[in-house]
Amino acid sequence: MAGRSKQRTTFAKLNRETRMQEKRREKEARKAARKLEGPVDPLEGVEVVTELRLSDDELPPEAVAPRGRDAE
């Protein structure tokens, strides 16, 4: 007949389980807070530039038309 000794859960396992439960509760709280905040505007605080002008000095050499004697 096999012994009926109760298997014991180690404190390390109990501590891991406790940490995981706390982590899940924190995650759920963050999720609930995000839902209460409402939708976030992804462009909030971003300045939209509709026109960009660069001088010839700022452009890469292949983007600038050749000038002078070498121009064909």
N, C-alpha and C. Protein backbone atom coordinates (compact mmCIF):
# COMPACT_ATOMS: atom_id res chain seq x y z
N MET A 1 0.84 -1.17 0.00
CA MET A 1 0.00 0.00 0.00
C MET A 1 0.90 1.24 0.00
N ALA A 2 0.57 2.17 -0.85
CA ALA A 2 1.36 3.39 -0.98
C ALA A 2 1.09 4.31 0.20
N GLY A 3 2.12 5.08 0.53
CA GLY A 3 1.95 6.03 1.63
C GLY A 3 1.05 7.19 1.22
N ARG A 4 0.38 7.72 2.17
CA ARG A 4 -0.54 8.82 1.88
C ARG A 4 0.04 10.15 2.34
N SER A 5 1.33 10.33 2.12
CA SER A 5 1.93 11.60 2.55
C SER A 5 1.46 12.72 1.62
N LYS A 6 1.12 13.81 2.23
CA LYS A 6 0.60 14.96 1.50
C LYS A 6 1.77 15.65 0.79
N GLN A 7 1.61 15.93 -0.51
CA GLN A 7 2.65 16.64 -1.22
C GLN A 7 2.62 18.10 -0.81
N ARG A 8 3.76 18.63 -0.50
CA ARG A 8 3.82 20.01 -0.02
C ARG A 8 4.21 20.96 -1.14
N THR A 9 3.60 22.11 -1.13
CA THR A 9 3.96 23.17 -2.09
C THR A 9 5.04 24.01 -1.44
N THR A 10 6.12 24.22 -2.18
CA THR A 10 7.22 24.99 -1.61
C THR A 10 6.87 26.47 -1.53
N PHE A 11 7.58 27.16 -0.64
CA PHE A 11 7.35 28.60 -0.52
C PHE A 11 7.73 29.33 -1.80
N ALA A 12 8.73 28.83 -2.52
CA ALA A 12 9.13 29.47 -3.78
C ALA A 12 7.96 29.45 -4.76
N LYS A 13 7.28 28.31 -4.84
CA LYS A 13 6.15 28.21 -5.75
C LYS A 13 5.01 29.13 -5.30
N LEU A 14 4.75 29.14 -4.01
CA LEU A 14 3.70 30.02 -3.49
C LEU A 14 4.03 31.49 -3.78
N ASN A 15 5.31 31.86 -3.61
CA ASN A 15 5.72 33.25 -3.88
C ASN A 15 5.56 33.59 -5.36
N ARG A 16 5.93 32.64 -6.24
CA ARG A 16 5.77 32.86 -7.68
C ARG A 16 4.31 33.07 -8.02
N GLU A 17 3.45 32.23 -7.49
CA GLU A 17 2.02 32.35 -7.77
C GLU A 17 1.47 33.68 -7.27
N THR A 18 1.92 34.11 -6.10
CA THR A 18 1.47 35.39 -5.54
C THR A 18 1.90 36.55 -6.43
N ARG A 19 3.17 36.50 -6.90
CA ARG A 19 3.67 37.57 -7.79
C ARG A 19 2.87 37.60 -9.08
N MET A 20 2.57 36.43 -9.63
CA MET A 20 1.81 36.38 -10.88
C MET A 20 0.40 36.93 -10.70
N GLN A 21 -0.22 36.62 -9.57
CA GLN A 21 -1.56 37.15 -9.30
C GLN A 21 -1.53 38.67 -9.18
N GLU A 22 -0.50 39.20 -8.49
CA GLU A 22 -0.36 40.65 -8.36
C GLU A 22 -0.15 41.30 -9.71
N LYS A 23 0.69 40.67 -10.53
CA LYS A 23 0.97 41.19 -11.87
C LYS A 23 -0.30 41.23 -12.71
N ARG A 24 -1.10 40.18 -12.62
CA ARG A 24 -2.36 40.14 -13.37
C ARG A 24 -3.31 41.24 -12.92
N ARG A 25 -3.39 41.44 -11.58
CA ARG A 25 -4.26 42.51 -11.06
C ARG A 25 -3.81 43.88 -11.54
N GLU A 26 -2.47 44.12 -11.53
CA GLU A 26 -1.94 45.41 -11.99
C GLU A 26 -2.24 45.62 -13.47
N LYS A 27 -2.07 44.56 -14.26
CA LYS A 27 -2.34 44.65 -15.69
C LYS A 27 -3.81 44.97 -15.93
N GLU A 28 -4.68 44.30 -15.20
CA GLU A 28 -6.12 44.54 -15.34
C GLU A 28 -6.46 45.98 -14.96
N ALA A 29 -5.81 46.51 -13.91
CA ALA A 29 -6.05 47.90 -13.49
C ALA A 29 -5.59 48.88 -14.57
N ARG A 30 -4.43 48.62 -15.19
CA ARG A 30 -3.94 49.49 -16.27
C ARG A 30 -4.91 49.46 -17.46
N LYS A 31 -5.40 48.26 -17.77
CA LYS A 31 -6.34 48.10 -18.88
C LYS A 31 -7.62 48.89 -18.61
N ALA A 32 -8.13 48.79 -17.39
CA ALA A 32 -9.35 49.52 -17.03
C ALA A 32 -9.13 51.03 -17.09
N ALA A 33 -7.95 51.48 -16.65
CA ALA A 33 -7.63 52.91 -16.69
C ALA A 33 -7.58 53.41 -18.13
N ARG A 34 -7.01 52.60 -19.03
CA ARG A 34 -6.96 53.00 -20.44
C ARG A 34 -8.36 53.11 -21.02
N LYS A 35 -9.24 52.19 -20.63
CA LYS A 35 -10.61 52.24 -21.14
C LYS A 35 -11.33 53.50 -20.66
N LEU A 36 -11.09 53.89 -19.41
CA LEU A 36 -11.72 55.09 -18.86
C LEU A 36 -11.19 56.35 -19.52
N GLU A 37 -9.91 56.33 -19.95
CA GLU A 37 -9.31 57.50 -20.58
C GLU A 37 -9.98 57.84 -21.89
N GLY A 38 -10.41 56.86 -22.61
CA GLY A 38 -11.02 57.08 -23.91
C GLY A 38 -9.98 57.00 -25.00
N PRO A 39 -10.42 57.23 -26.24
CA PRO A 39 -9.49 57.13 -27.37
C PRO A 39 -8.42 58.22 -27.31
N VAL A 40 -7.24 57.85 -27.76
CA VAL A 40 -6.11 58.78 -27.77
C VAL A 40 -5.87 59.24 -29.19
N ASP A 41 -5.70 60.55 -29.38
CA ASP A 41 -5.41 61.10 -30.70
C ASP A 41 -3.93 60.89 -30.99
N PRO A 42 -3.59 60.08 -31.99
CA PRO A 42 -2.18 59.79 -32.25
C PRO A 42 -1.40 61.00 -32.73
N LEU A 43 -2.07 62.03 -33.24
CA LEU A 43 -1.38 63.21 -33.75
C LEU A 43 -1.40 64.38 -32.76
N GLU A 44 -1.83 64.13 -31.55
CA GLU A 44 -1.88 65.19 -30.55
C GLU A 44 -0.47 65.69 -30.25
N GLY A 45 -0.26 66.99 -30.38
CA GLY A 45 1.03 67.59 -30.09
C GLY A 45 2.03 67.47 -31.23
N VAL A 46 1.60 66.94 -32.37
CA VAL A 46 2.50 66.80 -33.52
C VAL A 46 2.22 67.91 -34.52
N GLU A 47 3.27 68.58 -34.94
CA GLU A 47 3.11 69.64 -35.93
C GLU A 47 3.21 69.00 -37.32
N VAL A 48 2.22 69.23 -38.15
CA VAL A 48 2.21 68.66 -39.48
C VAL A 48 2.79 69.66 -40.46
N VAL A 49 3.81 69.25 -41.19
CA VAL A 49 4.44 70.10 -42.19
C VAL A 49 3.88 69.71 -43.54
N THR A 50 3.24 70.67 -44.22
CA THR A 50 2.64 70.36 -45.51
C THR A 50 3.56 70.71 -46.66
N GLU A 51 4.50 71.61 -46.44
CA GLU A 51 5.40 72.02 -47.51
C GLU A 51 6.82 72.07 -46.96
N LEU A 52 7.72 71.50 -47.71
CA LEU A 52 9.10 71.46 -47.28
C LEU A 52 9.97 71.99 -48.41
N ARG A 53 10.75 72.99 -48.12
CA ARG A 53 11.65 73.56 -49.12
C ARG A 53 13.07 73.44 -48.61
N LEU A 54 13.91 72.88 -49.47
CA LEU A 54 15.32 72.74 -49.14
C LEU A 54 16.14 73.54 -50.13
N SER A 55 17.21 74.12 -49.65
CA SER A 55 18.12 74.80 -50.56
C SER A 55 18.98 73.75 -51.25
N ASP A 56 19.69 74.14 -52.29
CA ASP A 56 20.55 73.20 -53.01
C ASP A 56 21.64 72.63 -52.11
N ASP A 57 22.04 73.39 -51.10
CA ASP A 57 23.08 72.92 -50.19
C ASP A 57 22.59 71.76 -49.32
N GLU A 58 21.29 71.70 -49.06
CA GLU A 58 20.74 70.68 -48.18
C GLU A 58 20.34 69.40 -48.91
N LEU A 59 20.27 69.46 -50.25
CA LEU A 59 19.87 68.30 -51.02
C LEU A 59 21.06 67.40 -51.31
N PRO A 60 20.83 66.11 -51.47
CA PRO A 60 21.93 65.22 -51.86
C PRO A 60 22.39 65.56 -53.27
N PRO A 61 23.64 65.31 -53.62
CA PRO A 61 24.18 65.72 -54.93
C PRO A 61 23.40 65.16 -56.12
N GLU A 62 22.89 63.94 -56.03
CA GLU A 62 22.17 63.36 -57.17
C GLU A 62 20.80 64.01 -57.39
N ALA A 63 20.30 64.75 -56.41
CA ALA A 63 19.00 65.40 -56.54
C ALA A 63 19.11 66.80 -57.13
N VAL A 64 20.30 67.34 -57.22
CA VAL A 64 20.51 68.70 -57.72
C VAL A 64 20.93 68.63 -59.17
N ALA A 65 20.25 69.42 -60.01
CA ALA A 65 20.62 69.46 -61.43
C ALA A 65 21.99 70.10 -61.57
N PRO A 66 22.87 69.56 -62.44
CA PRO A 66 24.20 70.14 -62.61
C PRO A 66 24.12 71.54 -63.21
N ARG A 67 25.04 72.38 -62.81
CA ARG A 67 25.09 73.76 -63.29
C ARG A 67 26.43 74.03 -63.94
N GLY A 68 26.46 75.04 -64.73
CA GLY A 68 27.75 75.48 -65.28
C GLY A 68 28.12 74.72 -66.53
N ARG A 69 29.42 74.58 -66.75
CA ARG A 69 29.96 74.02 -67.98
C ARG A 69 29.59 72.54 -68.16
N ASP A 70 29.45 71.79 -67.07
CA ASP A 70 29.17 70.37 -67.15
C ASP A 70 27.69 70.07 -67.43
N ALA A 71 26.86 71.09 -67.37
CA ALA A 71 25.42 70.88 -67.60
C ALA A 71 25.17 70.53 -69.03
N GLU A 72 24.37 69.52 -69.26
CA GLU A 72 24.08 69.11 -70.63
C GLU A 72 22.62 69.22 -70.90
